[in-house]
Amino acid sequence: MVAALPFGGVVTNFTSDIERVRLAAGRVTGQASRTESGSDLACRTRRFLESLEGWLQQQEAGTSPVTVVLFTAGLAAPRRDAPMGLMPGMCELEVDKFRHVAAAAGAARANFYVMQPAEVGVGASLPRSTIGGVGDRGSDNPLEGIEHLTGVTGGTRLPLDATGTASLIRVARESSAYYVAELEPVANEVVGRNRPLAVRVNRKGVTVRARPEIRFAESLSTRKIRLSVPELLGSFDAFPDLRLRIGGFTARDAEGKLRLGILVEAVDQTVPLESVGALLIGPDGQVIGRWFARSAADRPLLGAIAADAGPYRLRVAAVDAAGRAGVAEEDVDVEVTRVGPLSLGSLMLGVSREGSTAPQLEFRAEPTAIAYFDIYGGVEGLPLSVRLEIARSVDGPAAIAQPLVLTRADQTRVVASGTVPIGALPPGDYVVRGIVRLESGETGRVIRTLRKLPK
């Protein structure tokens, strides 16, 4: 979003279109007066703070913070706008104006960066009090108001050099990721009011940035707001109420076209899912494909999206029967592994259930797991060997190694599968490697992480 306060308003709303942001920023011009007095500075600051507070109040607090980059050449500090002993003038600037902005910033989860032109200083033409205190109305230093706003919002003040972008790059880097701490209010806590917040860490050499105030807001479930799966997929917020596990795997149809298979399950297996959907997003941010489950009651829940070979981001959203929402994302590669005339699909792990193999993402008390992957192409009778290995790392020594069985599924596909003993494995993450070796010595492999949880 690009906004010009107090009078310009929102020039362009929230968007991921960088060109729109560039055009909007180019339409914003400075309106500074060359003859601005101390009173004028205070009036301008007051109008700006009031408009900033109103804008922050319009930003409904989500699960993700808002980063506010404020460009200003000067703000007044709190001042009376009248000599001592007289009634204040029309440009009285109270401390509460800054405090109200801090409260609105805490409620909106807004993190502030204040960009100040490097050449800004105190103007020589601003009136000053005499040595006897006559005319003492407060400081007219345009930097003091910037420091005051930075302080009450817990923000960071950075110099803005007209010839460089170091400060802006720093903002982009620092705001690209963040930590979230969940706080549970005590019983009978009054929501909707600000409380002070201080965050410290023991690690040396680390700078912690956190808002000085937070506000306990009503949760989505308390407010009875239910978002649909398409709304969840289009949101930039996180939705941790419903925890999901997702996985992607590559499969090839009879015509040779690739599809990304999607596996979805709730961390709590007893939770019934009501609706589930997924987006496949390309490196340029464009949506390549969509999938929505016809029945979210299936266990496991499987879907597929057609896609060309390449890297993508898979975003999955779900809503359970209680209305809780969950979103999960994962980087995926749609690809097959080439081994001479053969192509290998993704390695999958599962369990035997009702006479068939059901994919599974995590294991706990199961004594065995079934590993399998598809082999495409080649001619019947092609000499090859296929084995399975389990190791602690991608290239580490194998703790378990055994051959796999080949079963022809159709004219273009052979399935390599085998049962793996995992009951004695300690909890942790393991790498499962499916290795195909041709008679010529050419070798290819597919891998998958096996996660073993404590019983």
Foldseek 3Di string as FASTA:
>chain_A
DDQDPDPGGDQDDDDPPVVSVVVSVVVDDDDDDPPQELLNLLQRQLRRLVSLLVVLLVQQAFQAAAEDEAEDAFHFDQWQCAQPPDHGDPSGHDLVSLLSSLFSCQRNNYEYEYEYAPPRWADPPYDDADPVRPPPTGDSIRVVVVVSNCVSFLYHYDYDYPVDCVVVVVSCVVSVDDDDDDDDDDPPDDFDGKDADDDDDPDPPDDDGGTRIHTHDDDCLRVVDFDDFVVVQPDPGFFPPWAKDKDWWWDADPVGFIKIKIWIATPPNVFQWAWKKKFKADPVRDTPFIDIDPGSRDVGDMDIDTDDFDKTKMKMKTATPSRGIGIDIDIDTHAWWDFPQKTKIAKFKADDDPNDTGTDQAAEQDQKIKIKIKIFGDDPPFDKWKKKFKAADPPDDGPDIDGWDWDDPDPTIIMTMDMGGDNPPDFDKIKMKIKMAGPVGTIDIHIDIYGYDYD
